[in-house]
Amino acid sequence: MKITIIHGQSHEGSTCNIARLLAKKLNGEVEEFFLPKDFGDFCIGCTACFSVSETKCPHFEKIFPITQAIDNADVIILASPVYVYHATGAMKAFLDHYGWRWIVHRPEEKMFSKQAVCISTAAGAGMKSTNKDMVHSTFFWGIAKTYKYGVAVMETSWDRVSSKKKQKIEKKLDIITSKILRNQGHIKPSFKTKIFFSVIRQMQKRGMNEADASYWKSKGWTDKKRPWKM
């Protein structure tokens, strides 16, 4: 199993440690990226990725190694501490660069057989809205199954998190690990994803832009093929 972790910060705090603990339990080959250290550019809104090609993005070369790691992974972990009740700016800036990959445009076929985990921590609250920031992308990328885990660690340092809290975290991660391993290799997209795909398929039949239309046609998705096993 290949696992790619995208850390929404560059320090190794509670969120980082929990993401790594999950990866360890999954016992896979892990590749990690820290934002903004490994990628920190903001989308400039040029729309070239939508209308022409993602390769025309001025940051394409910088983000490409992360894109490759995501494509090669069986499990994608997006991990962000809570910053003012939302994901970090670095995580948001990173996800902004993948609008072209949303189902409405040119989703990557591999995504429909992958699993993802969105992890957030806070000293107090805001985990639900933070995970939602990241889940929006995993759903619209077409990822078959996304698990969410948010936890109030009641501390600003992982070293000071109580042993009782860490034990509860371990138990929750064991449950998520069990689900991922059970589904690995035969996961299918949710009914919601399939319905959304069907709606976009009808739109693509009528044509949206040349880049998207050509992509869907080349995949056979406007005909009988689908990006998942029928």
Protein backbone atom coordinates (compact mmCIF):
# COMPACT_ATOMS: atom_id res chain seq x y z
CA MET A 1 0.00 0.00 0.00
CA LYS A 2 1.24 3.47 -0.92
CA ILE A 3 0.31 6.40 1.29
CA THR A 4 0.74 10.10 0.55
CA ILE A 5 0.43 12.58 3.41
CA ILE A 6 -0.09 16.28 2.72
CA HIS A 7 0.59 18.25 5.88
CA GLY A 8 -1.08 21.65 6.01
CA GLN A 9 1.76 23.08 8.07
CA SER A 10 5.53 22.75 8.20
CA HIS A 11 5.88 21.93 11.90
CA GLU A 12 5.48 18.47 13.40
CA GLY A 13 2.66 19.05 15.86
CA SER A 14 -0.37 17.03 16.94
CA THR A 15 -1.92 16.84 13.46
CA CYS A 16 1.33 15.65 11.94
CA ASN A 17 1.86 13.01 14.62
CA ILE A 18 -1.68 11.65 14.27
CA ALA A 19 -1.35 11.44 10.46
CA ARG A 20 1.95 9.61 10.82
CA LEU A 21 0.48 7.26 13.41
CA LEU A 22 -2.32 6.32 11.02
CA ALA A 23 0.20 5.72 8.22
CA LYS A 24 2.24 3.52 10.55
CA LYS A 25 -0.83 1.45 11.42
CA LEU A 26 -1.56 1.01 7.71
CA ASN A 27 2.01 -0.28 7.33
CA GLY A 28 2.49 1.15 3.86
CA GLU A 29 5.09 3.01 1.86
CA VAL A 30 4.79 6.64 2.93
CA GLU A 31 5.58 9.85 1.08
CA GLU A 32 5.12 13.15 2.93
CA PHE A 33 4.84 16.78 1.88
CA PHE A 34 4.80 19.78 4.17
CA LEU A 35 3.06 23.01 3.22
CA PRO A 36 4.11 25.68 2.51
CA LYS A 37 7.68 24.31 2.60
CA ASP A 38 7.14 21.88 -0.29
CA PHE A 39 4.59 24.04 -2.09
CA GLY A 40 3.46 27.50 -1.12
CA ASP A 41 2.26 29.38 -4.19
CA PHE A 42 -1.16 30.98 -4.44
CA CYS A 43 -3.45 30.38 -7.41
CA ILE A 44 -3.48 33.58 -9.46
CA GLY A 45 -6.84 32.88 -11.11
CA CYS A 46 -5.55 32.84 -14.68
CA THR A 47 -7.98 29.96 -15.54
CA ALA A 48 -5.42 28.43 -17.93
CA CYS A 49 -5.79 25.05 -16.19
CA PHE A 50 -9.52 25.02 -16.98
CA SER A 51 -9.54 26.41 -20.49
CA VAL A 52 -6.27 25.07 -21.93
CA SER A 53 -4.28 22.60 -19.80
CA GLU A 54 -3.06 22.15 -16.24
CA THR A 55 0.46 22.26 -17.69
CA LYS A 56 -0.11 25.95 -18.41
CA CYS A 57 -0.43 26.75 -14.72
CA PRO A 58 2.55 28.96 -13.76
CA HIS A 59 3.12 26.66 -10.76
CA PHE A 60 2.74 23.36 -12.62
CA GLU A 61 6.37 22.27 -12.30
CA LYS A 62 6.46 23.05 -8.57
CA ILE A 63 3.31 21.12 -7.71
CA PHE A 64 3.89 18.23 -10.13
CA PRO A 65 5.85 16.01 -7.67
CA ILE A 66 2.93 16.19 -5.23
CA THR A 67 0.45 15.46 -8.02
CA GLN A 68 2.46 12.38 -8.96
CA ALA A 69 2.53 11.19 -5.35
CA ILE A 70 -1.24 11.65 -5.06
CA ASP A 71 -1.81 9.70 -8.26
CA ASN A 72 0.46 6.87 -7.14
CA ALA A 73 -1.07 6.58 -3.66
CA ASP A 74 -3.68 4.09 -2.56
CA VAL A 75 -4.51 6.24 0.45
CA ILE A 76 -4.26 10.04 0.59
CA ILE A 77 -4.09 11.74 3.97
CA LEU A 78 -4.85 15.46 4.15
CA ALA A 79 -3.89 16.77 7.58
CA SER A 80 -4.45 20.30 8.83
CA PRO A 81 -4.55 21.90 12.26
CA VAL A 82 -7.45 24.26 12.84
CA TYR A 83 -6.63 27.86 11.97
CA VAL A 84 -9.51 30.20 12.87
CA TYR A 85 -12.05 27.38 12.41
CA HIS A 86 -10.73 26.36 8.99
CA ALA A 87 -7.87 24.58 7.25
CA THR A 88 -4.57 26.40 7.08
CA GLY A 89 -4.02 28.96 4.35
CA ALA A 90 -1.25 26.73 2.99
CA MET A 91 -3.64 23.80 2.63
CA LYS A 92 -6.28 25.98 0.98
CA ALA A 93 -3.72 27.47 -1.44
CA PHE A 94 -2.59 23.95 -2.33
CA LEU A 95 -6.12 22.64 -2.95
CA ASP A 96 -6.97 25.72 -5.03
CA HIS A 97 -4.53 24.44 -7.66
CA TYR A 98 -6.64 21.35 -8.34
CA GLY A 99 -9.88 22.94 -9.47
CA TRP A 100 -9.22 21.56 -12.94
CA ARG A 101 -9.28 18.06 -11.45
CA TRP A 102 -12.79 18.34 -10.10
CA ILE A 103 -15.39 16.02 -11.64
CA VAL A 104 -16.95 18.99 -13.40
CA HIS A 105 -13.73 19.42 -15.42
CA ARG A 106 -11.07 16.70 -15.85
CA PRO A 107 -11.00 14.25 -12.93
CA GLU A 108 -8.20 11.71 -12.74
CA GLU A 109 -9.60 8.21 -13.34
CA LYS A 110 -7.45 6.69 -10.58
CA MET A 111 -9.21 8.75 -7.93
CA PHE A 112 -12.39 6.71 -8.20
CA SER A 113 -10.68 3.69 -6.61
CA LYS A 114 -8.75 5.52 -3.87
CA GLN A 115 -9.41 6.17 -0.20
CA ALA A 116 -8.62 9.36 1.69
CA VAL A 117 -8.51 10.52 5.28
CA CYS A 118 -8.96 14.13 6.39
CA ILE A 119 -7.45 14.81 9.80
CA SER A 120 -7.69 17.96 11.87
CA THR A 121 -6.78 18.89 15.43
CA ALA A 122 -7.32 21.89 17.66
CA ALA A 123 -6.73 22.89 21.22
CA GLY A 124 -10.46 23.56 21.36
CA ALA A 125 -12.89 23.45 18.44
CA GLY A 126 -13.28 23.91 14.68
CA MET A 127 -12.38 20.43 13.48
CA LYS A 128 -15.68 19.87 11.63
CA SER A 129 -15.35 22.98 9.46
CA THR A 130 -11.64 22.31 8.90
CA ASN A 131 -12.25 18.78 7.69
CA LYS A 132 -15.06 20.05 5.50
CA ASP A 133 -12.58 22.34 3.72
CA MET A 134 -10.55 19.30 2.72
CA VAL A 135 -13.45 16.87 2.14
CA HIS A 136 -14.85 19.20 -0.50
CA SER A 137 -11.77 18.49 -2.61
CA THR A 138 -11.61 14.73 -2.03
CA PHE A 139 -15.27 14.39 -3.03
CA PHE A 140 -14.99 16.54 -6.13
CA TRP A 141 -11.74 14.81 -7.12
CA GLY A 142 -13.87 11.65 -7.26
CA ILE A 143 -12.16 9.78 -4.41
CA ALA A 144 -14.23 6.69 -3.64
CA LYS A 145 -14.21 6.94 0.15
CA THR A 146 -13.12 9.68 2.55
CA TYR A 147 -12.86 9.21 6.30
CA LYS A 148 -12.90 12.22 8.63
CA TYR A 149 -11.21 12.49 11.98
CA GLY A 150 -11.15 15.64 14.05
CA VAL A 151 -9.98 15.74 17.64
CA ALA A 152 -9.62 18.42 20.30
CA VAL A 153 -6.26 17.62 21.86
CA MET A 154 -6.65 20.41 24.43
CA GLU A 155 -3.01 21.39 23.98
CA THR A 156 -0.75 23.28 21.59
CA SER A 157 2.03 20.70 21.83
CA TRP A 158 1.81 16.98 21.09
CA ASP A 159 4.23 16.25 23.91
CA ARG A 160 1.79 17.76 26.40
CA VAL A 161 -1.28 15.90 25.15
CA SER A 162 -2.46 13.61 27.94
CA SER A 163 -1.83 9.87 27.76
CA LYS A 164 -5.57 9.30 28.16
CA LYS A 165 -6.29 11.45 25.11
CA LYS A 166 -3.60 9.67 23.11
CA GLN A 167 -5.12 6.31 23.99
CA LYS A 168 -8.49 7.48 22.67
CA ILE A 169 -6.79 8.70 19.48
CA GLU A 170 -5.12 5.30 19.07
CA LYS A 171 -8.47 3.50 19.36
CA LYS A 172 -10.10 5.78 16.79
CA LEU A 173 -7.21 5.32 14.37
CA ASP A 174 -7.47 1.55 14.81
CA ILE A 175 -11.09 1.73 13.64
CA ILE A 176 -10.19 3.84 10.59
CA THR A 177 -7.26 1.55 9.80
CA SER A 178 -9.52 -1.51 9.92
CA LYS A 179 -12.00 0.09 7.52
CA ILE A 180 -9.30 1.15 5.05
CA LEU A 181 -7.66 -2.27 5.00
CA ARG A 182 -11.03 -3.99 4.61
CA ASN A 183 -11.94 -1.81 1.63
CA GLN A 184 -8.54 -1.76 -0.03
CA GLY A 185 -8.59 -3.12 -3.56
CA HIS A 186 -12.35 -3.22 -4.06
CA ILE A 187 -13.63 0.19 -3.01
CA LYS A 188 -16.22 1.81 -5.27
CA PRO A 189 -17.48 5.39 -5.46
CA SER A 190 -20.53 6.32 -3.42
CA PHE A 191 -24.00 6.65 -4.92
CA LYS A 192 -23.69 10.43 -4.44
CA THR A 193 -20.49 10.49 -6.52
CA LYS A 194 -22.06 8.41 -9.28
CA ILE A 195 -25.12 10.67 -9.45
CA PHE A 196 -22.96 13.79 -9.58
CA PHE A 197 -20.81 12.23 -12.28
CA SER A 198 -23.94 11.44 -14.31
CA VAL A 199 -25.12 15.06 -14.07
CA ILE A 200 -21.76 16.37 -15.24
CA ARG A 201 -21.69 13.73 -17.98
CA GLN A 202 -24.86 15.21 -19.47
CA MET A 203 -23.31 18.67 -19.32
CA GLN A 204 -20.14 17.42 -21.01
CA LYS A 205 -22.22 15.85 -23.76
CA ARG A 206 -23.47 19.33 -24.60
CA GLY A 207 -19.95 20.73 -24.28
CA MET A 208 -18.47 23.08 -21.68
CA ASN A 209 -15.03 24.00 -22.96
CA GLU A 210 -12.79 22.38 -25.52
CA ALA A 211 -10.23 21.04 -23.04
CA ASP A 212 -12.85 19.34 -20.88
CA ALA A 213 -14.90 18.06 -23.82
CA SER A 214 -11.86 16.48 -25.46
CA TYR A 215 -10.83 14.86 -22.18
CA TRP A 216 -14.23 13.30 -21.48
CA LYS A 217 -14.53 12.09 -25.08
CA SER A 218 -11.06 10.51 -24.99
CA LYS A 219 -12.00 8.65 -21.80
CA GLY A 220 -15.24 7.42 -23.33
CA TRP A 221 -17.18 8.85 -20.39
CA THR A 222 -19.76 10.61 -22.56
CA ASP A 223 -20.51 7.19 -24.01
CA LYS A 224 -20.75 3.97 -21.96
CA LYS A 225 -17.45 3.91 -20.09
CA ARG A 226 -17.07 5.03 -16.48
CA PRO A 227 -13.97 5.68 -14.34
CA TRP A 228 -14.91 2.77 -12.06
CA LYS A 229 -15.65 -0.91 -12.54
CA MET A 230 -19.25 -1.38 -13.61
